[in-house]
């Protein structure tokens, strides 16, 4: 089950563009593999805000029982 898809993103340089393309490719393969699974959860682009207002991101998190 895909619990969260990637958020909309506009790259401002080639590094960001290439990084985003890689994230989209992995999200595609995870979606294709785990789409109908009820015991597996895929969360793409999980972001946390720290106490100092900075952000940390987990690109892909796969959870299972």
PDB file of N, CA and C in Angstrom:
ATOM      1  N   UNK A   1       0.855  -1.172   0.000  1.00  0.00           N
ATOM      2  CA  UNK A   1       0.000   0.000   0.000  1.00  0.00           C
ATOM      3  C   UNK A   1       0.896   1.228   0.000  1.00  0.00           C
ATOM      4  N   UNK A   2       0.618   2.139  -0.883  1.00  0.00           N
ATOM      5  CA  UNK A   2       1.361   3.389  -0.926  1.00  0.00           C
ATOM      6  C   UNK A   2       0.635   4.379  -0.016  1.00  0.00           C
ATOM      7  N   UNK A   3       1.261   4.716   1.105  1.00  0.00           N
ATOM      8  CA  UNK A   3       0.629   5.594   2.082  1.00  0.00           C
ATOM      9  C   UNK A   3       0.832   7.065   1.750  1.00  0.00           C
ATOM     10  N   UNK A   4       1.944   7.392   1.080  1.00  0.00           N
ATOM     11  CA  UNK A   4       2.208   8.785   0.713  1.00  0.00           C
ATOM     12  C   UNK A   4       3.037   8.802  -0.559  1.00  0.00           C
ATOM     13  N   UNK A   5       2.549   9.528  -1.559  1.00  0.00           N
ATOM     14  CA  UNK A   5       3.285   9.724  -2.810  1.00  0.00           C
ATOM     15  C   UNK A   5       4.267  10.886  -2.640  1.00  0.00           C
ATOM     16  N   UNK A   6       5.148  11.049  -3.606  1.00  0.00           N
ATOM     17  CA  UNK A   6       6.075  12.173  -3.588  1.00  0.00           C
ATOM     18  C   UNK A   6       5.323  13.487  -3.737  1.00  0.00           C
ATOM     19  N   UNK A   7       5.811  14.526  -3.079  1.00  0.00           N
ATOM     20  CA  UNK A   7       5.229  15.853  -3.204  1.00  0.00           C
ATOM     21  C   UNK A   7       5.673  16.492  -4.517  1.00  0.00           C
ATOM     22  N   UNK A   8       4.943  17.478  -4.967  1.00  0.00           N
ATOM     23  CA  UNK A   8       5.305  18.230  -6.164  1.00  0.00           C
ATOM     24  C   UNK A   8       6.605  18.971  -5.881  1.00  0.00           C
ATOM     25  N   UNK A   9       7.491  19.013  -6.888  1.00  0.00           N
ATOM     26  CA  UNK A   9       8.814  19.597  -6.681  1.00  0.00           C
ATOM     27  C   UNK A   9       9.306  20.194  -7.984  1.00  0.00           C
ATOM     28  N   UNK A  10       9.856  21.386  -7.937  1.00  0.00           N
ATOM     29  CA  UNK A  10      10.467  22.027  -9.106  1.00  0.00           C
ATOM     30  C   UNK A  10      11.953  22.221  -8.822  1.00  0.00           C
ATOM     31  N   UNK A  11      12.789  21.585  -9.619  1.00  0.00           N
ATOM     32  CA  UNK A  11      14.237  21.668  -9.421  1.00  0.00           C
ATOM     33  C   UNK A  11      14.760  23.008  -9.916  1.00  0.00           C
ATOM     34  N   UNK A  12      15.751  23.538  -9.207  1.00  0.00           N
ATOM     35  CA  UNK A  12      16.334  24.817  -9.613  1.00  0.00           C
ATOM     36  C   UNK A  12      17.716  24.652 -10.240  1.00  0.00           C
ATOM     37  N   UNK A  13      18.279  23.440 -10.169  1.00  0.00           N
ATOM     38  CA  UNK A  13      19.581  23.201 -10.798  1.00  0.00           C
ATOM     39  C   UNK A  13      19.685  21.726 -11.190  1.00  0.00           C
ATOM     40  N   UNK A  14      20.770  21.368 -11.876  1.00  0.00           N
ATOM     41  CA  UNK A  14      20.903  20.002 -12.398  1.00  0.00           C
ATOM     42  C   UNK A  14      21.057  18.970 -11.284  1.00  0.00           C
ATOM     43  N   UNK A  15      21.678  19.333 -10.166  1.00  0.00           N
ATOM     44  CA  UNK A  15      21.814  18.392  -9.043  1.00  0.00           C
ATOM     45  C   UNK A  15      20.444  18.031  -8.490  1.00  0.00           C
ATOM     46  N   UNK A  16      19.618  19.033  -8.260  1.00  0.00           N
ATOM     47  CA  UNK A  16      18.267  18.786  -7.750  1.00  0.00           C
ATOM     48  C   UNK A  16      17.434  18.010  -8.763  1.00  0.00           C
ATOM     49  N   UNK A  17      17.586  18.332 -10.042  1.00  0.00           N
ATOM     50  CA  UNK A  17      16.838  17.646 -11.093  1.00  0.00           C
ATOM     51  C   UNK A  17      17.209  16.158 -11.142  1.00  0.00           C
ATOM     52  N   UNK A  18      18.491  15.854 -11.090  1.00  0.00           N
ATOM     53  CA  UNK A  18      18.937  14.466 -11.120  1.00  0.00           C
ATOM     54  C   UNK A  18      18.530  13.720  -9.852  1.00  0.00           C
ATOM     55  N   UNK A  19      18.609  14.382  -8.719  1.00  0.00           N
ATOM     56  CA  UNK A  19      18.186  13.763  -7.462  1.00  0.00           C
ATOM     57  C   UNK A  19      16.702  13.453  -7.472  1.00  0.00           C
ATOM     58  N   UNK A  20      15.923  14.370  -7.972  1.00  0.00           N
ATOM     59  CA  UNK A  20      14.475  14.154  -8.037  1.00  0.00           C
ATOM     60  C   UNK A  20      14.133  13.008  -8.992  1.00  0.00           C
ATOM     61  N   UNK A  21      14.830  12.950 -10.116  1.00  0.00           N
ATOM     62  CA  UNK A  21      14.589  11.870 -11.073  1.00  0.00           C
ATOM     63  C   UNK A  21      14.858  10.510 -10.423  1.00  0.00           C
ATOM     64  N   UNK A  22      15.937  10.406  -9.651  1.00  0.00           N
ATOM     65  CA  UNK A  22      16.256   9.150  -8.961  1.00  0.00           C
ATOM     66  C   UNK A  22      15.166   8.799  -7.948  1.00  0.00           C
ATOM     67  N   UNK A  23      14.681   9.787  -7.199  1.00  0.00           N
ATOM     68  CA  UNK A  23      13.605   9.545  -6.236  1.00  0.00           C
ATOM     69  C   UNK A  23      12.343   9.057  -6.939  1.00  0.00           C
ATOM     70  N   UNK A  24      12.017   9.662  -8.077  1.00  0.00           N
ATOM     71  CA  UNK A  24      10.827   9.254  -8.828  1.00  0.00           C
ATOM     72  C   UNK A  24      10.955   7.828  -9.357  1.00  0.00           C
ATOM     73  N   UNK A  25      12.169   7.451  -9.783  1.00  0.00           N
ATOM     74  CA  UNK A  25      12.382   6.091 -10.278  1.00  0.00           C
ATOM     75  C   UNK A  25      12.178   5.066  -9.164  1.00  0.00           C
ATOM     76  N   UNK A  26      12.737   5.322  -7.999  1.00  0.00           N
ATOM     77  CA  UNK A  26      12.576   4.389  -6.881  1.00  0.00           C
ATOM     78  C   UNK A  26      11.116   4.334  -6.458  1.00  0.00           C
ATOM     79  N   UNK A  27      10.442   5.479  -6.397  1.00  0.00           N
ATOM     80  CA  UNK A  27       9.018   5.503  -6.037  1.00  0.00           C
ATOM     81  C   UNK A  27       8.203   4.675  -7.032  1.00  0.00           C
ATOM     82  N   UNK A  28       8.546   4.750  -8.316  1.00  0.00           N
ATOM     83  CA  UNK A  28       7.863   3.965  -9.338  1.00  0.00           C
ATOM     84  C   UNK A  28       8.014   2.468  -9.070  1.00  0.00           C
ATOM     85  N   UNK A  29       9.241   2.024  -8.814  1.00  0.00           N
ATOM     86  CA  UNK A  29       9.480   0.600  -8.566  1.00  0.00           C
ATOM     87  C   UNK A  29       8.809   0.123  -7.278  1.00  0.00           C
ATOM     88  N   UNK A  30       8.825   0.951  -6.242  1.00  0.00           N
ATOM     89  CA  UNK A  30       8.148   0.587  -4.993  1.00  0.00           C
ATOM     90  C   UNK A  30       6.643   0.504  -5.210  1.00  0.00           C
ATOM     91  N   UNK A  31       6.080   1.434  -5.963  1.00  0.00           N
ATOM     92  CA  UNK A  31       4.649   1.416  -6.266  1.00  0.00           C
ATOM     93  C   UNK A  31       4.290   0.157  -7.049  1.00  0.00           C
ATOM     94  N   UNK A  32       5.106  -0.164  -8.042  1.00  0.00           N
ATOM     95  CA  UNK A  32       4.838  -1.344  -8.865  1.00  0.00           C
ATOM     96  C   UNK A  32       4.912  -2.626  -8.039  1.00  0.00           C
ATOM     97  N   UNK A  33       5.869  -2.715  -7.119  1.00  0.00           N
ATOM     98  CA  UNK A  33       6.064  -3.927  -6.338  1.00  0.00           C
ATOM     99  C   UNK A  33       5.045  -4.086  -5.206  1.00  0.00           C
ATOM    100  N   UNK A  34       4.709  -3.003  -4.498  1.00  0.00           N
ATOM    101  CA  UNK A  34       3.914  -3.106  -3.278  1.00  0.00           C
ATOM    102  C   UNK A  34       2.510  -2.515  -3.395  1.00  0.00           C
ATOM    103  N   UNK A  35       2.051  -2.210  -4.574  1.00  0.00           N
ATOM    104  CA  UNK A  35       0.765  -1.532  -4.770  1.00  0.00           C
ATOM    105  C   UNK A  35      -0.407  -2.226  -4.061  1.00  0.00           C
ATOM    106  N   UNK A  36      -0.556  -3.509  -4.204  1.00  0.00           N
ATOM    107  CA  UNK A  36      -1.715  -4.199  -3.641  1.00  0.00           C
ATOM    108  C   UNK A  36      -1.490  -4.822  -2.277  1.00  0.00           C
ATOM    109  N   UNK A  37      -0.311  -4.657  -1.706  1.00  0.00           N
ATOM    110  CA  UNK A  37       0.014  -5.278  -0.415  1.00  0.00           C
ATOM    111  C   UNK A  37      -0.688  -4.543   0.725  1.00  0.00           C
ATOM    112  N   UNK A  38      -1.359  -5.289   1.573  1.00  0.00           N
ATOM    113  CA  UNK A  38      -2.062  -4.683   2.707  1.00  0.00           C
ATOM    114  C   UNK A  38      -1.194  -4.612   3.965  1.00  0.00           C
ATOM    115  N   UNK A  39      -0.129  -5.420   4.028  1.00  0.00           N
ATOM    116  CA  UNK A  39       0.731  -5.463   5.213  1.00  0.00           C
ATOM    117  C   UNK A  39       2.021  -4.667   5.045  1.00  0.00           C
ATOM    118  N   UNK A  40       2.198  -4.021   3.902  1.00  0.00           N
ATOM    119  CA  UNK A  40       3.403  -3.239   3.642  1.00  0.00           C
ATOM    120  C   UNK A  40       2.985  -1.813   3.321  1.00  0.00           C
ATOM    121  N   UNK A  41       3.633  -0.865   3.961  1.00  0.00           N
ATOM    122  CA  UNK A  41       3.319   0.546   3.775  1.00  0.00           C
ATOM    123  C   UNK A  41       4.543   1.263   3.222  1.00  0.00           C
ATOM    124  N   UNK A  42       4.359   2.024   2.164  1.00  0.00           N
ATOM    125  CA  UNK A  42       5.439   2.791   1.552  1.00  0.00           C
ATOM    126  C   UNK A  42       5.121   4.272   1.736  1.00  0.00           C
ATOM    127  N   UNK A  43       6.060   4.981   2.320  1.00  0.00           N
ATOM    128  CA  UNK A  43       5.919   6.419   2.538  1.00  0.00           C
ATOM    129  C   UNK A  43       7.062   7.093   1.784  1.00  0.00           C
ATOM    130  N   UNK A  44       6.732   7.912   0.814  1.00  0.00           N
ATOM    131  CA  UNK A  44       7.730   8.622   0.005  1.00  0.00           C
ATOM    132  C   UNK A  44       7.817  10.073   0.461  1.00  0.00           C
ATOM    133  N   UNK A  45       9.043  10.579   0.571  1.00  0.00           N
ATOM    134  CA  UNK A  45       9.246  11.995   0.867  1.00  0.00           C
ATOM    135  C   UNK A  45       8.769  12.419   2.248  1.00  0.00           C
ATOM    136  N   UNK A  46       9.112  11.648   3.258  1.00  0.00           N
ATOM    137  CA  UNK A  46       8.716  11.975   4.632  1.00  0.00           C
ATOM    138  C   UNK A  46       9.657  13.047   5.179  1.00  0.00           C
ATOM    139  N   UNK A  47       9.087  14.164   5.615  1.00  0.00           N
ATOM    140  CA  UNK A  47       9.897  15.285   6.111  1.00  0.00           C
ATOM    141  C   UNK A  47       9.603  15.557   7.581  1.00  0.00           C
ATOM    142  N   UNK A  48      10.668  15.896   8.300  1.00  0.00           N
ATOM    143  CA  UNK A  48      10.575  16.267   9.713  1.00  0.00           C
ATOM    144  C   UNK A  48      11.197  17.638   9.895  1.00  0.00           C
ATOM    145  N   UNK A  49      10.544  18.468  10.686  1.00  0.00           N
ATOM    146  CA  UNK A  49      11.110  19.777  11.015  1.00  0.00           C
ATOM    147  C   UNK A  49      11.710  19.694  12.406  1.00  0.00           C
ATOM    148  N   UNK A  50      12.958  20.108  12.509  1.00  0.00           N
ATOM    149  CA  UNK A  50      13.654  20.098  13.782  1.00  0.00           C
ATOM    150  C   UNK A  50      13.304  21.303  14.630  1.00  0.00           C
ATOM    151  N   UNK A  51      13.762  21.289  15.851  1.00  0.00           N
ATOM    152  CA  UNK A  51      13.503  22.402  16.759  1.00  0.00           C
ATOM    153  C   UNK A  51      14.146  23.699  16.283  1.00  0.00           C
ATOM    154  N   UNK A  52      15.225  23.575  15.505  1.00  0.00           N
ATOM    155  CA  UNK A  52      15.901  24.761  14.974  1.00  0.00           C
ATOM    156  C   UNK A  52      15.358  25.174  13.603  1.00  0.00           C
ATOM    157  N   UNK A  53      14.166  24.658  13.235  1.00  0.00           N
ATOM    158  CA  UNK A  53      13.465  24.993  11.998  1.00  0.00           C
ATOM    159  C   UNK A  53      14.152  24.467  10.732  1.00  0.00           C
ATOM    160  N   UNK A  54      15.095  23.531  10.874  1.00  0.00           N
ATOM    161  CA  UNK A  54      15.678  22.885   9.703  1.00  0.00           C
ATOM    162  C   UNK A  54      14.879  21.621   9.398  1.00  0.00           C
ATOM    163  N   UNK A  55      15.006  21.126   8.183  1.00  0.00           N
ATOM    164  CA  UNK A  55      14.257  19.951   7.768  1.00  0.00           C
ATOM    165  C   UNK A  55      15.181  18.776   7.494  1.00  0.00           C
ATOM    166  N   UNK A  56      14.679  17.586   7.783  1.00  0.00           N
ATOM    167  CA  UNK A  56      15.325  16.330   7.443  1.00  0.00           C
ATOM    168  C   UNK A  56      14.323  15.527   6.632  1.00  0.00           C
ATOM    169  N   UNK A  57      14.790  14.845   5.592  1.00  0.00           N
ATOM    170  CA  UNK A  57      13.878  14.083   4.749  1.00  0.00           C
ATOM    171  C   UNK A  57      14.345  12.638   4.627  1.00  0.00           C
ATOM    172  N   UNK A  58      13.371  11.734   4.703  1.00  0.00           N
ATOM    173  CA  UNK A  58      13.586  10.331   4.368  1.00  0.00           C
ATOM    174  C   UNK A  58      12.942  10.150   3.000  1.00  0.00           C
ATOM    175  N   UNK A  59      13.742   9.777   2.008  1.00  0.00           N
ATOM    176  CA  UNK A  59      13.210   9.674   0.644  1.00  0.00           C
ATOM    177  C   UNK A  59      12.140   8.590   0.534  1.00  0.00           C
ATOM    178  N   UNK A  60      12.421   7.402   1.043  1.00  0.00           N
ATOM    179  CA  UNK A  60      11.465   6.278   0.938  1.00  0.00           C
ATOM    180  C   UNK A  60      11.559   5.456   2.224  1.00  0.00           C
ATOM    181  N   UNK A  61      10.431   5.241   2.842  1.00  0.00           N
ATOM    182  CA  UNK A  61      10.349   4.425   4.058  1.00  0.00           C
ATOM    183  C   UNK A  61       9.373   3.289   3.785  1.00  0.00           C
ATOM    184  N   UNK A  62       9.837   2.055   3.977  1.00  0.00           N
ATOM    185  CA  UNK A  62       8.996   0.880   3.766  1.00  0.00           C
ATOM    186  C   UNK A  62       8.798   0.215   5.120  1.00  0.00           C
ATOM    187  N   UNK A  63       7.539   0.077   5.536  1.00  0.00           N
ATOM    188  CA  UNK A  63       7.199  -0.536   6.830  1.00  0.00           C
ATOM    189  C   UNK A  63       6.415  -1.812   6.594  1.00  0.00           C
ATOM    190  N   UNK A  64       6.706  -2.824   7.409  1.00  0.00           N
ATOM    191  CA  UNK A  64       5.942  -4.068   7.330  1.00  0.00           C
ATOM    192  C   UNK A  64       5.805  -4.646   8.730  1.00  0.00           C
ATOM    193  N   UNK A  65       4.860  -5.584   8.853  1.00  0.00           N
ATOM    194  CA  UNK A  65       4.641  -6.205  10.170  1.00  0.00           C
ATOM    195  C   UNK A  65       5.782  -7.145  10.496  1.00  0.00           C
TER     196      UNK A  65
END
